[in-house]
N, C-alpha and C. Protein backbone atom coordinates (compact mmCIF):
# COMPACT_ATOMS: atom_id res chain seq x y z
N UNK A 1 -17.21 -115.84 -112.06
CA UNK A 1 -18.25 -114.39 -112.13
C UNK A 1 -19.82 -115.30 -112.80
N UNK A 2 -20.26 -114.93 -112.23
CA UNK A 2 -21.72 -115.16 -112.89
C UNK A 2 -22.24 -114.72 -113.84
N UNK A 3 -22.49 -115.27 -115.08
CA UNK A 3 -22.62 -114.70 -115.97
C UNK A 3 -24.66 -114.72 -116.40
N UNK A 4 -25.31 -116.29 -116.26
CA UNK A 4 -26.33 -116.44 -116.02
C UNK A 4 -27.43 -117.63 -115.46
N UNK A 5 -28.46 -117.35 -114.62
CA UNK A 5 -28.94 -118.18 -113.85
C UNK A 5 -30.24 -118.40 -114.67
N UNK A 6 -30.59 -119.31 -113.99
CA UNK A 6 -31.68 -120.78 -114.68
C UNK A 6 -32.37 -121.17 -113.83
N UNK A 7 -33.68 -120.97 -113.21
CA UNK A 7 -34.08 -121.61 -112.48
C UNK A 7 -35.72 -120.87 -112.19
N UNK A 8 -36.11 -121.16 -111.01
CA UNK A 8 -37.88 -120.95 -110.39
C UNK A 8 -37.45 -119.57 -109.50
N UNK A 9 -38.81 -119.28 -110.25
CA UNK A 9 -38.86 -117.78 -109.79
C UNK A 9 -39.64 -118.20 -108.18
N UNK A 10 -38.61 -117.53 -107.18
CA UNK A 10 -39.30 -118.15 -105.34
C UNK A 10 -40.21 -117.16 -105.55
N UNK A 11 -40.08 -115.50 -106.06
CA UNK A 11 -40.44 -114.32 -105.44
C UNK A 11 -40.44 -113.52 -105.79
N UNK A 12 -41.55 -112.56 -106.19
CA UNK A 12 -41.10 -111.39 -106.87
C UNK A 12 -41.76 -110.23 -105.76
N UNK A 13 -40.58 -108.96 -105.52
CA UNK A 13 -41.39 -108.17 -104.78
C UNK A 13 -40.92 -106.62 -105.64
N UNK A 14 -41.83 -106.25 -106.14
CA UNK A 14 -42.03 -105.02 -106.44
C UNK A 14 -41.52 -104.25 -105.70
N UNK A 15 -40.37 -103.33 -106.55
CA UNK A 15 -41.01 -102.62 -108.17
C UNK A 15 -39.82 -103.68 -109.25
N UNK A 16 -38.95 -103.92 -108.07
CA UNK A 16 -38.02 -104.66 -109.05
C UNK A 16 -37.19 -105.26 -108.43
N UNK A 17 -37.25 -106.56 -107.34
CA UNK A 17 -36.59 -107.54 -106.95
C UNK A 17 -37.27 -109.33 -106.53
N UNK A 18 -36.45 -110.14 -107.62
CA UNK A 18 -37.02 -111.33 -107.57
C UNK A 18 -35.87 -112.22 -107.44
N UNK A 19 -36.68 -113.37 -106.48
CA UNK A 19 -35.91 -114.28 -105.81
C UNK A 19 -35.47 -115.69 -106.49
N UNK A 20 -34.73 -115.88 -107.29
CA UNK A 20 -34.25 -116.89 -108.34
C UNK A 20 -33.42 -118.10 -107.37
N UNK A 21 -34.43 -119.32 -106.92
CA UNK A 21 -34.09 -120.28 -107.04
C UNK A 21 -33.10 -121.45 -108.11
N UNK A 22 -32.13 -121.44 -107.29
CA UNK A 22 -31.42 -122.68 -108.26
C UNK A 22 -31.06 -123.35 -107.66
N UNK A 23 -31.44 -124.54 -108.24
CA UNK A 23 -30.44 -125.66 -107.49
C UNK A 23 -30.83 -125.99 -105.80
N UNK A 24 -31.96 -125.13 -105.47
CA UNK A 24 -32.15 -125.15 -104.29
C UNK A 24 -31.60 -123.71 -103.37
N UNK A 25 -31.07 -123.26 -104.27
CA UNK A 25 -30.34 -121.77 -103.83
C UNK A 25 -30.63 -120.15 -103.83
N UNK A 26 -31.15 -119.84 -102.66
CA UNK A 26 -31.87 -118.41 -103.27
C UNK A 26 -31.02 -117.36 -104.19
N UNK A 27 -31.38 -116.76 -105.12
CA UNK A 27 -30.60 -115.77 -105.11
C UNK A 27 -31.25 -114.43 -105.16
N UNK A 28 -30.59 -113.66 -104.68
CA UNK A 28 -31.30 -112.23 -104.78
C UNK A 28 -30.98 -110.83 -105.78
N UNK A 29 -31.67 -110.94 -106.78
CA UNK A 29 -31.47 -110.48 -108.20
C UNK A 29 -32.13 -109.17 -108.76
N UNK A 30 -31.71 -107.63 -108.18
CA UNK A 30 -32.23 -106.33 -108.85
C UNK A 30 -32.03 -106.34 -110.68
N UNK A 31 -33.32 -106.02 -110.82
CA UNK A 31 -33.84 -106.14 -111.90
C UNK A 31 -34.01 -104.89 -112.80
N UNK A 32 -34.23 -104.30 -113.95
CA UNK A 32 -35.05 -102.99 -113.99
C UNK A 32 -36.65 -104.01 -114.33
N UNK A 33 -37.41 -102.27 -114.06
CA UNK A 33 -38.81 -102.53 -114.56
C UNK A 33 -38.84 -103.27 -115.54
N UNK A 34 -38.68 -102.84 -116.32
CA UNK A 34 -38.96 -103.54 -117.61
C UNK A 34 -38.83 -105.32 -117.62
N UNK A 35 -37.58 -105.57 -116.76
CA UNK A 35 -37.42 -106.91 -116.47
C UNK A 35 -38.00 -107.78 -115.99
N UNK A 36 -38.43 -106.65 -114.83
CA UNK A 36 -39.45 -107.54 -113.99
C UNK A 36 -40.65 -107.67 -114.36
N UNK A 37 -41.22 -106.86 -115.09
CA UNK A 37 -42.65 -106.73 -115.76
C UNK A 37 -42.38 -108.26 -116.78
N UNK A 38 -41.62 -108.70 -117.40
CA UNK A 38 -41.44 -109.97 -118.13
C UNK A 38 -41.47 -111.01 -117.41
N UNK A 39 -41.29 -111.28 -116.40
CA UNK A 39 -41.00 -112.22 -115.51
C UNK A 39 -42.13 -112.93 -115.62
N UNK A 40 -42.38 -114.37 -115.62
CA UNK A 40 -43.20 -115.21 -115.19
C UNK A 40 -43.79 -115.08 -113.10
N UNK A 41 -45.19 -115.47 -113.42
CA UNK A 41 -45.16 -115.74 -111.50
C UNK A 41 -44.48 -117.06 -110.95
N UNK A 42 -43.99 -116.25 -109.79
CA UNK A 42 -43.81 -117.36 -109.12
C UNK A 42 -44.08 -118.98 -109.27
N UNK A 43 -42.84 -119.69 -109.21
CA UNK A 43 -43.17 -120.97 -109.61
C UNK A 43 -42.77 -121.82 -110.75
N UNK A 44 -42.80 -120.64 -111.34
CA UNK A 44 -42.30 -121.32 -112.75
C UNK A 44 -41.11 -120.70 -113.26
N UNK A 45 -40.33 -121.19 -114.09
CA UNK A 45 -39.15 -121.25 -114.71
C UNK A 45 -38.60 -120.09 -115.27
N UNK A 46 -37.37 -119.31 -114.94
CA UNK A 46 -36.97 -118.35 -116.04
C UNK A 46 -35.63 -117.90 -116.32
N UNK A 47 -35.10 -117.26 -117.11
CA UNK A 47 -33.78 -117.50 -116.90
C UNK A 47 -33.20 -116.24 -117.54
N UNK A 48 -32.25 -115.59 -116.51
CA UNK A 48 -31.71 -114.14 -116.52
C UNK A 48 -30.44 -113.91 -116.71
N UNK A 49 -29.86 -113.23 -117.61
CA UNK A 49 -28.52 -112.45 -117.85
C UNK A 49 -27.72 -111.73 -116.17
N UNK A 50 -27.26 -112.51 -116.03
CA UNK A 50 -26.71 -111.63 -114.71
C UNK A 50 -25.34 -111.04 -114.72
N UNK A 51 -25.43 -109.69 -114.19
CA UNK A 51 -24.13 -109.18 -114.10
C UNK A 51 -23.33 -109.11 -112.41
N UNK A 52 -22.79 -109.85 -111.87
CA UNK A 52 -22.26 -109.50 -110.26
C UNK A 52 -20.88 -108.79 -110.12
N UNK A 53 -21.54 -108.00 -109.79
CA UNK A 53 -20.82 -106.47 -108.67
C UNK A 53 -20.23 -107.07 -107.43
N UNK A 54 -18.58 -106.84 -107.21
CA UNK A 54 -19.04 -107.43 -105.97
C UNK A 54 -17.56 -106.21 -105.30
N UNK A 55 -18.64 -106.02 -104.00
CA UNK A 55 -17.61 -104.50 -103.13
C UNK A 55 -17.34 -105.08 -101.81
N UNK A 56 -16.73 -103.94 -100.84
CA UNK A 56 -16.08 -104.42 -100.12
C UNK A 56 -17.17 -105.32 -99.01
N UNK A 57 -18.24 -105.01 -98.87
CA UNK A 57 -18.99 -105.14 -98.21
C UNK A 57 -20.56 -106.64 -98.71
N UNK A 58 -20.42 -106.24 -99.61
CA UNK A 58 -21.49 -106.92 -100.48
C UNK A 58 -21.54 -107.51 -101.94
N UNK A 59 -22.01 -108.24 -102.42
CA UNK A 59 -21.85 -109.46 -103.85
C UNK A 59 -23.40 -108.91 -103.99
N UNK A 60 -23.10 -108.27 -105.07
CA UNK A 60 -24.20 -107.80 -105.54
C UNK A 60 -25.19 -108.42 -107.21
N UNK A 61 -26.05 -108.58 -107.65
CA UNK A 61 -26.69 -109.44 -108.67
C UNK A 61 -27.41 -108.55 -109.44
N UNK A 62 -27.44 -107.95 -110.52
CA UNK A 62 -28.35 -107.42 -111.54
C UNK A 62 -28.87 -108.43 -112.49
N UNK A 63 -29.94 -108.61 -112.48
CA UNK A 63 -30.85 -109.20 -113.78
C UNK A 63 -30.89 -108.62 -114.79
N UNK A 64 -31.53 -109.01 -116.45
CA UNK A 64 -31.93 -108.91 -117.22
C UNK A 64 -32.21 -109.85 -118.18
N UNK A 65 -33.27 -109.53 -118.91
CA UNK A 65 -34.19 -110.53 -119.55
C UNK A 65 -33.72 -110.64 -120.80
N UNK A 66 -32.37 -109.58 -121.10
CA UNK A 66 -31.71 -110.01 -122.45
C UNK A 66 -30.55 -109.11 -122.57
N UNK A 67 -29.61 -110.26 -123.51
CA UNK A 67 -28.30 -109.53 -123.24
C UNK A 67 -27.86 -107.80 -123.31
N UNK A 68 -28.98 -107.44 -124.57
CA UNK A 68 -29.03 -105.84 -125.14
C UNK A 68 -29.04 -105.28 -123.68
N UNK A 69 -29.63 -105.72 -122.76
CA UNK A 69 -30.24 -104.63 -121.63
C UNK A 69 -28.45 -105.05 -120.49
N UNK A 70 -28.02 -106.13 -120.82
CA UNK A 70 -26.96 -106.23 -119.82
C UNK A 70 -26.11 -105.24 -120.33
N UNK A 71 -25.61 -105.85 -121.34
CA UNK A 71 -24.89 -104.96 -122.02
C UNK A 71 -24.77 -103.25 -121.93
N UNK A 72 -26.33 -103.22 -121.88
CA UNK A 72 -26.80 -101.20 -121.80
C UNK A 72 -26.02 -101.08 -120.40
N UNK A 73 -26.33 -102.12 -119.77
CA UNK A 73 -26.11 -101.77 -117.87
C UNK A 73 -24.67 -101.78 -117.85
N UNK A 74 -23.97 -102.69 -118.45
CA UNK A 74 -22.49 -102.14 -118.29
C UNK A 74 -22.02 -100.92 -118.93
N UNK A 75 -22.13 -100.61 -120.22
CA UNK A 75 -21.95 -99.01 -120.59
C UNK A 75 -21.80 -97.86 -119.28
N UNK A 76 -23.57 -98.58 -119.31
CA UNK A 76 -23.97 -97.04 -118.35
C UNK A 76 -22.99 -96.72 -116.99
N UNK A 77 -22.56 -98.13 -116.44
CA UNK A 77 -21.96 -97.94 -114.79
C UNK A 77 -21.09 -98.00 -115.39
N UNK A 78 -19.80 -97.59 -116.42
CA UNK A 78 -18.77 -97.10 -116.46
C UNK A 78 -18.25 -95.55 -116.66
N UNK A 79 -19.95 -95.07 -116.66
CA UNK A 79 -20.00 -93.31 -116.83
C UNK A 79 -19.66 -93.27 -115.57
N UNK A 80 -18.74 -92.53 -115.44
CA UNK A 80 -18.40 -91.10 -114.11
C UNK A 80 -19.77 -90.55 -114.07
N UNK A 81 -19.74 -90.95 -111.85
CA UNK A 81 -21.34 -90.49 -111.22
C UNK A 81 -21.94 -91.93 -111.51
N UNK A 82 -22.32 -92.67 -112.35
CA UNK A 82 -23.80 -93.26 -112.81
C UNK A 82 -23.73 -95.07 -112.25
N UNK A 83 -24.16 -95.24 -110.80
CA UNK A 83 -23.56 -96.61 -110.46
C UNK A 83 -24.72 -97.53 -110.57
N UNK A 84 -24.63 -98.39 -110.36
CA UNK A 84 -25.69 -100.16 -110.57
C UNK A 84 -26.62 -99.33 -110.43
N UNK A 85 -27.43 -98.79 -109.13
CA UNK A 85 -28.29 -98.21 -108.62
C UNK A 85 -29.07 -97.57 -110.02
N UNK A 86 -27.92 -96.62 -109.91
CA UNK A 86 -28.85 -95.20 -111.52
C UNK A 86 -28.80 -95.83 -112.55
N UNK A 87 -28.00 -97.13 -113.23
CA UNK A 87 -28.29 -97.17 -114.53
C UNK A 87 -29.21 -98.26 -114.49
N UNK A 88 -29.90 -99.17 -113.22
CA UNK A 88 -31.30 -99.94 -112.94
C UNK A 88 -32.55 -98.72 -112.93
N UNK A 89 -31.71 -97.75 -113.00
CA UNK A 89 -33.67 -96.84 -112.69
C UNK A 89 -33.48 -96.08 -113.92
N UNK A 90 -31.93 -95.54 -114.64
CA UNK A 90 -32.31 -95.63 -116.37
C UNK A 90 -33.18 -96.67 -117.18
N UNK A 91 -32.24 -97.91 -117.23
CA UNK A 91 -33.02 -98.99 -117.91
C UNK A 91 -34.17 -99.60 -117.25
N UNK A 92 -35.19 -98.95 -116.00
CA UNK A 92 -36.42 -99.22 -116.33
C UNK A 92 -37.02 -98.26 -116.85
N UNK A 93 -36.42 -97.01 -116.90
CA UNK A 93 -37.55 -95.58 -117.97
C UNK A 93 -37.00 -95.87 -118.83
N UNK A 94 -36.34 -96.45 -119.72
CA UNK A 94 -36.25 -96.23 -121.23
C UNK A 94 -35.75 -97.48 -121.40
N UNK A 95 -36.29 -98.36 -122.43
CA UNK A 95 -35.59 -99.56 -123.32
C UNK A 95 -34.04 -99.69 -124.06
N UNK A 96 -33.89 -100.36 -124.12
CA UNK A 96 -32.14 -100.75 -125.14
C UNK A 96 -32.49 -99.51 -126.34
N UNK A 97 -33.10 -99.64 -127.03
CA UNK A 97 -33.63 -98.82 -128.16
C UNK A 97 -33.85 -97.15 -128.00
N UNK A 98 -34.37 -97.10 -126.75
CA UNK A 98 -34.63 -95.76 -126.50
C UNK A 98 -33.31 -94.77 -126.50
N UNK A 99 -32.75 -95.98 -125.43
CA UNK A 99 -31.96 -95.23 -124.38
C UNK A 99 -30.48 -94.93 -125.92
N UNK A 100 -30.76 -96.01 -126.69
CA UNK A 100 -29.53 -95.58 -127.89
C UNK A 100 -29.74 -94.39 -128.93
N UNK A 101 -31.33 -94.10 -129.08
CA UNK A 101 -31.84 -92.74 -129.40
C UNK A 101 -31.81 -91.70 -128.90
N UNK A 102 -31.68 -91.56 -127.72
CA UNK A 102 -31.91 -90.61 -126.50
C UNK A 102 -30.34 -90.08 -127.10
N UNK A 103 -29.00 -91.08 -126.67
CA UNK A 103 -27.55 -90.80 -126.30
C UNK A 103 -27.45 -90.49 -128.31
N UNK A 104 -28.05 -91.12 -129.20
CA UNK A 104 -27.11 -91.27 -130.41
C UNK A 104 -27.65 -89.38 -130.45
N UNK A 105 -29.00 -89.10 -130.24
CA UNK A 105 -29.43 -87.57 -130.76
C UNK A 105 -29.81 -86.41 -129.54
N UNK A 106 -28.61 -86.88 -128.55
CA UNK A 106 -28.24 -85.85 -127.65
C UNK A 106 -29.12 -85.36 -127.34
N UNK A 107 -30.26 -85.56 -126.45
CA UNK A 107 -31.68 -85.60 -125.84
C UNK A 107 -31.23 -85.44 -124.97
N UNK A 108 -30.60 -84.67 -124.33
CA UNK A 108 -30.44 -84.00 -123.04
C UNK A 108 -31.64 -83.93 -121.82
N UNK A 109 -32.55 -83.58 -122.76
CA UNK A 109 -34.10 -83.17 -121.74
C UNK A 109 -34.89 -85.23 -121.70
N UNK A 110 -34.26 -85.31 -122.65
CA UNK A 110 -35.10 -86.74 -122.23
C UNK A 110 -34.59 -87.28 -121.18
N UNK A 111 -33.57 -87.12 -121.02
CA UNK A 111 -32.50 -87.92 -119.98
C UNK A 111 -32.89 -87.49 -119.04
N UNK A 112 -32.48 -86.16 -118.48
CA UNK A 112 -32.93 -85.84 -117.35
C UNK A 112 -34.31 -85.85 -116.54
N UNK A 113 -35.40 -86.36 -117.29
CA UNK A 113 -36.46 -87.22 -116.80
C UNK A 113 -36.61 -88.75 -115.92
N UNK A 114 -35.33 -88.89 -116.29
CA UNK A 114 -35.26 -90.00 -115.22
C UNK A 114 -34.66 -89.79 -113.92
N UNK A 115 -35.51 -90.36 -112.91
CA UNK A 115 -35.56 -89.45 -111.52
C UNK A 115 -33.40 -89.92 -111.22
N UNK A 116 -33.21 -88.99 -110.71
CA UNK A 116 -31.58 -88.68 -110.47
C UNK A 116 -30.65 -88.39 -110.96
N UNK A 117 -31.27 -88.08 -112.89
CA UNK A 117 -30.48 -87.98 -113.62
C UNK A 117 -30.45 -86.16 -113.61
N UNK A 118 -29.52 -85.57 -113.55
CA UNK A 118 -29.58 -84.19 -113.69
C UNK A 118 -28.76 -84.00 -115.55
N UNK A 119 -29.04 -82.70 -115.49
CA UNK A 119 -28.47 -81.90 -116.95
C UNK A 119 -27.15 -82.76 -116.74
N UNK A 120 -26.02 -82.03 -116.20
CA UNK A 120 -24.63 -82.39 -115.69
C UNK A 120 -24.33 -83.62 -115.88
N UNK A 121 -24.73 -84.75 -115.25
CA UNK A 121 -25.12 -86.08 -115.78
C UNK A 121 -25.36 -86.76 -116.96
N UNK A 122 -26.80 -85.95 -117.09
CA UNK A 122 -27.36 -86.47 -118.73
C UNK A 122 -26.42 -86.05 -119.70
N UNK A 123 -25.68 -84.71 -119.79
CA UNK A 123 -24.58 -84.45 -120.71
C UNK A 123 -23.45 -85.33 -121.02
N UNK A 124 -23.21 -85.70 -119.25
CA UNK A 124 -21.72 -86.49 -119.36
C UNK A 124 -22.27 -88.16 -120.46
N UNK A 125 -23.31 -88.88 -119.67
CA UNK A 125 -23.66 -89.76 -119.99
C UNK A 125 -23.70 -89.53 -122.07
N UNK A 126 -23.69 -88.29 -122.18
CA UNK A 126 -24.11 -88.24 -123.89
C UNK A 126 -23.11 -88.14 -124.36
N UNK A 127 -21.96 -87.19 -123.72
CA UNK A 127 -20.65 -87.41 -124.13
C UNK A 127 -19.92 -88.92 -123.97
N UNK A 128 -19.65 -89.45 -122.97
CA UNK A 128 -19.15 -90.60 -122.63
C UNK A 128 -19.52 -92.11 -123.40
N UNK A 129 -20.75 -91.96 -124.24
CA UNK A 129 -21.90 -93.11 -124.61
C UNK A 129 -21.69 -92.60 -125.76
N UNK A 130 -21.38 -91.58 -126.77
CA UNK A 130 -22.36 -91.40 -128.04
C UNK A 130 -21.42 -92.29 -128.84
N UNK A 131 -20.41 -92.84 -128.52
CA UNK A 131 -19.43 -93.42 -129.59
C UNK A 131 -19.90 -95.24 -129.38
N UNK A 132 -19.67 -95.30 -127.76
CA UNK A 132 -19.78 -96.47 -127.48
C UNK A 132 -21.01 -97.32 -127.71
N UNK A 133 -21.99 -96.15 -127.65
CA UNK A 133 -23.27 -96.95 -127.77
C UNK A 133 -23.50 -97.64 -129.30
N UNK A 134 -22.92 -96.81 -130.04
CA UNK A 134 -22.73 -97.35 -131.25
C UNK A 134 -22.85 -99.19 -132.14
N UNK A 135 -21.85 -99.76 -130.65
CA UNK A 135 -21.65 -101.07 -131.18
C UNK A 135 -22.44 -102.22 -130.08
N UNK A 136 -23.92 -101.53 -129.21
CA UNK A 136 -24.81 -101.86 -129.20
C UNK A 136 -25.75 -102.96 -129.41
N UNK A 137 -25.72 -103.92 -129.62
CA UNK A 137 -26.54 -104.64 -129.60
C UNK A 137 -28.09 -104.20 -129.46
N UNK A 138 -28.91 -104.06 -130.03
CA UNK A 138 -30.40 -103.66 -129.92
C UNK A 138 -31.39 -104.71 -129.58
N UNK A 139 -31.17 -106.20 -129.73
CA UNK A 139 -31.92 -107.27 -129.32
C UNK A 139 -33.30 -106.83 -129.77
N UNK A 140 -34.43 -107.52 -128.89
CA UNK A 140 -36.05 -107.01 -129.40
C UNK A 140 -36.27 -106.23 -128.81
N UNK A 141 -38.07 -106.07 -129.22
CA UNK A 141 -38.31 -105.25 -128.02
C UNK A 141 -39.12 -106.13 -127.12
N UNK A 142 -38.72 -105.55 -125.46
CA UNK A 142 -39.21 -106.63 -124.57
C UNK A 142 -40.02 -106.80 -124.28
N UNK A 143 -41.12 -105.30 -124.67
CA UNK A 143 -42.80 -105.72 -124.60
C UNK A 143 -43.20 -106.13 -125.93
N UNK A 144 -43.09 -107.11 -126.63
CA UNK A 144 -44.01 -107.61 -127.32
C UNK A 144 -44.46 -108.41 -127.38
N UNK A 145 -45.69 -108.11 -127.21
CA UNK A 145 -46.48 -109.40 -127.04
C UNK A 145 -46.73 -110.00 -125.49
N UNK A 146 -45.82 -109.56 -124.51
CA UNK A 146 -45.74 -110.05 -123.49
C UNK A 146 -46.66 -109.14 -122.34
N UNK A 147 -47.37 -109.99 -121.89
CA UNK A 147 -48.42 -108.87 -120.30
C UNK A 147 -47.69 -109.37 -119.40
N UNK A 148 -47.38 -108.03 -118.65
CA UNK A 148 -47.16 -107.95 -116.90
C UNK A 148 -48.03 -108.80 -116.22
N UNK A 149 -47.42 -109.33 -114.75
CA UNK A 149 -48.18 -109.73 -113.93
C UNK A 149 -48.82 -108.31 -113.19
N UNK A 150 -50.15 -109.41 -112.24
CA UNK A 150 -50.77 -108.16 -112.29
C UNK A 150 -51.09 -107.79 -110.79
N UNK A 151 -50.98 -106.53 -109.89
CA UNK A 151 -50.93 -106.35 -108.44
C UNK A 151 -51.46 -104.94 -108.64
N UNK A 152 -51.79 -104.57 -107.20
CA UNK A 152 -52.60 -103.14 -107.07
C UNK A 152 -51.80 -101.69 -107.28
N UNK A 153 -52.49 -100.88 -107.86
CA UNK A 153 -51.97 -99.66 -107.73
C UNK A 153 -51.37 -98.53 -107.07
N UNK A 154 -51.95 -99.15 -105.50
CA UNK A 154 -50.43 -98.95 -105.13
C UNK A 154 -49.08 -99.42 -104.43
N UNK A 155 -49.29 -100.56 -105.19
CA UNK A 155 -47.80 -100.96 -105.48
C UNK A 155 -47.11 -100.43 -106.47
N UNK A 156 -47.39 -99.77 -107.63
CA UNK A 156 -47.10 -99.24 -108.65
C UNK A 156 -46.70 -97.12 -108.55
N UNK A 157 -47.23 -97.00 -107.27
CA UNK A 157 -47.38 -95.69 -106.98
C UNK A 157 -45.61 -95.79 -105.66
N UNK A 158 -45.69 -96.69 -104.81
CA UNK A 158 -44.58 -97.47 -104.40
C UNK A 158 -43.58 -97.49 -105.09
N UNK A 159 -43.68 -98.11 -105.79
CA UNK A 159 -42.55 -98.22 -107.03
C UNK A 159 -41.92 -97.07 -107.86
N UNK A 160 -42.50 -96.37 -108.21
CA UNK A 160 -42.29 -94.87 -108.58
C UNK A 160 -41.39 -94.11 -107.54
N UNK A 161 -42.14 -94.33 -106.41
CA UNK A 161 -41.04 -93.44 -104.68
C UNK A 161 -40.50 -93.91 -104.73
N UNK A 162 -40.17 -95.12 -105.17
CA UNK A 162 -38.45 -96.44 -105.00
C UNK A 162 -37.61 -95.52 -105.87
N UNK A 163 -38.21 -95.32 -106.86
CA UNK A 163 -37.44 -95.14 -108.27
C UNK A 163 -37.04 -93.66 -108.45
N UNK A 164 -37.13 -92.85 -106.78
CA UNK A 164 -36.88 -91.31 -106.60
C UNK A 164 -37.77 -90.21 -107.03
N UNK A 165 -39.19 -90.97 -107.39
CA UNK A 165 -40.69 -89.82 -107.48
C UNK A 165 -41.10 -89.38 -106.31
N UNK A 166 -41.50 -88.04 -106.17
CA UNK A 166 -42.54 -87.96 -105.11
C UNK A 166 -43.50 -88.67 -105.00
N UNK A 167 -43.63 -88.60 -103.96
CA UNK A 167 -44.99 -89.70 -103.63
C UNK A 167 -46.24 -88.90 -104.13
N UNK A 168 -46.45 -87.62 -104.16
CA UNK A 168 -47.65 -87.00 -104.57
C UNK A 168 -47.83 -87.03 -106.34
N UNK A 169 -46.19 -86.96 -106.64
CA UNK A 169 -46.22 -87.10 -107.89
C UNK A 169 -46.29 -88.67 -108.43
N UNK A 170 -46.22 -89.34 -108.16
CA UNK A 170 -46.74 -90.48 -108.00
C UNK A 170 -47.59 -90.97 -108.24
N UNK A 171 -48.11 -90.33 -107.23
CA UNK A 171 -49.72 -91.23 -107.33
C UNK A 171 -50.36 -90.11 -108.89
N UNK A 172 -50.65 -89.04 -108.80
CA UNK A 172 -50.39 -88.24 -110.32
C UNK A 172 -50.51 -88.95 -111.54
N UNK A 173 -49.00 -89.47 -111.59
CA UNK A 173 -48.81 -90.47 -112.70
C UNK A 173 -49.82 -91.54 -112.95
N UNK A 174 -49.94 -92.38 -111.91
CA UNK A 174 -50.23 -93.52 -111.56
C UNK A 174 -52.14 -93.37 -112.43
N UNK A 175 -52.58 -92.16 -111.22
CA UNK A 175 -54.15 -91.56 -111.61
C UNK A 175 -54.33 -91.10 -112.72
N UNK A 176 -53.48 -90.65 -113.07
CA UNK A 176 -53.37 -89.89 -114.97
C UNK A 176 -53.75 -91.60 -116.18
N UNK A 177 -52.93 -92.70 -115.43
CA UNK A 177 -52.93 -93.66 -116.83
C UNK A 177 -53.59 -94.83 -116.40
N UNK A 178 -53.83 -94.70 -115.26
CA UNK A 178 -54.38 -96.33 -114.39
C UNK A 178 -56.34 -96.41 -115.54
N UNK A 179 -56.34 -97.60 -115.34
CA UNK A 179 -57.69 -98.42 -115.89
C UNK A 179 -57.80 -100.02 -115.34
N UNK A 180 -59.19 -100.04 -115.15
CA UNK A 180 -59.33 -101.33 -114.52
C UNK A 180 -58.82 -102.56 -115.38
N UNK A 181 -57.64 -103.11 -113.82
CA UNK A 181 -56.90 -104.61 -114.10
C UNK A 181 -56.36 -104.00 -114.92
N UNK A 182 -55.38 -103.32 -114.97
CA UNK A 182 -53.88 -102.84 -115.25
C UNK A 182 -53.05 -103.44 -113.94
N UNK A 183 -51.93 -104.38 -114.97
CA UNK A 183 -51.01 -104.99 -113.89
C UNK A 183 -50.45 -103.84 -113.43
N UNK A 184 -49.59 -103.74 -112.08
CA UNK A 184 -48.61 -103.18 -111.37
C UNK A 184 -47.12 -103.01 -112.70
N UNK A 185 -46.80 -103.60 -112.87
CA UNK A 185 -45.34 -103.36 -113.43
C UNK A 185 -46.20 -102.79 -115.40
N UNK A 186 -47.23 -102.76 -115.85
CA UNK A 186 -47.85 -102.23 -116.72
C UNK A 186 -48.30 -100.65 -116.73
N UNK A 187 -48.51 -100.77 -114.92
CA UNK A 187 -48.89 -99.42 -114.88
C UNK A 187 -47.57 -98.17 -114.30
N UNK A 188 -46.16 -98.98 -113.92
CA UNK A 188 -45.37 -98.15 -113.53
C UNK A 188 -44.43 -98.13 -114.77
N UNK A 189 -44.23 -98.88 -116.46
CA UNK A 189 -44.20 -98.78 -117.13
C UNK A 189 -44.38 -97.83 -118.17
N UNK A 190 -45.89 -97.46 -117.60
CA UNK A 190 -46.38 -96.46 -118.49
C UNK A 190 -46.51 -95.10 -118.21
N UNK A 191 -46.25 -95.49 -116.62
CA UNK A 191 -46.00 -94.03 -115.71
C UNK A 191 -44.99 -93.36 -116.51
N UNK A 192 -43.78 -94.07 -116.20
CA UNK A 192 -42.26 -93.29 -116.78
C UNK A 192 -42.04 -93.55 -118.14
N UNK A 193 -43.11 -94.29 -118.74
CA UNK A 193 -42.46 -93.78 -120.42
C UNK A 193 -43.37 -92.36 -120.87
N UNK A 194 -44.60 -92.28 -120.48
CA UNK A 194 -45.37 -90.99 -120.09
C UNK A 194 -44.81 -90.03 -119.42
N UNK A 195 -43.27 -89.61 -118.19
CA UNK A 195 -42.90 -89.11 -117.49
C UNK A 195 -41.90 -88.77 -118.88
N UNK A 196 -41.30 -90.12 -119.60
CA UNK A 196 -39.76 -89.55 -120.94
C UNK A 196 -40.89 -88.49 -121.89
N UNK A 197 -42.15 -88.22 -122.06
CA UNK A 197 -42.46 -88.04 -123.30
C UNK A 197 -42.61 -86.47 -122.73
N UNK A 198 -42.46 -86.30 -121.75
CA UNK A 198 -43.25 -84.91 -121.53
C UNK A 198 -42.40 -83.86 -121.58
């Protein structure tokens, strides 16, 4: 199993796919938007914590900037009804420390603001993770002093649509927070954080 990959970023495809060149082999890795925003530009070196999921028809790689994100992902996919895609969406909208806080405080309302997470699923997440999440290493704040890469606001709208938001809602979310010269990843992060706090 692949646990970690270090290599050159070959390509970044918003909202959350990265191609990592490791010794001449390109690995397609799906990452949370939070991890995507932390990655350097194409041609630069990075290291990702990897969770490899093998299915009958595919071998999928999910990457994380920190071990804490990877641990949270592993916990999330053990919950009934939460697959890798849903886990990535959850970690795109909530940092590990925020997830810990939401589960610990049993904040169903905040969890249901994550695209694709209904009330029953949110309640199941809380019940199944309340005890398990206590052992989770929170790691460091992913966004501490880091600046994401720049991209157009249209990419941010597309990214939100990919994460499950209606196109019209995504446009309103981005318009509400957009400022000149903001990076696509920053727009996505702020839009998701804003929607979680409502």
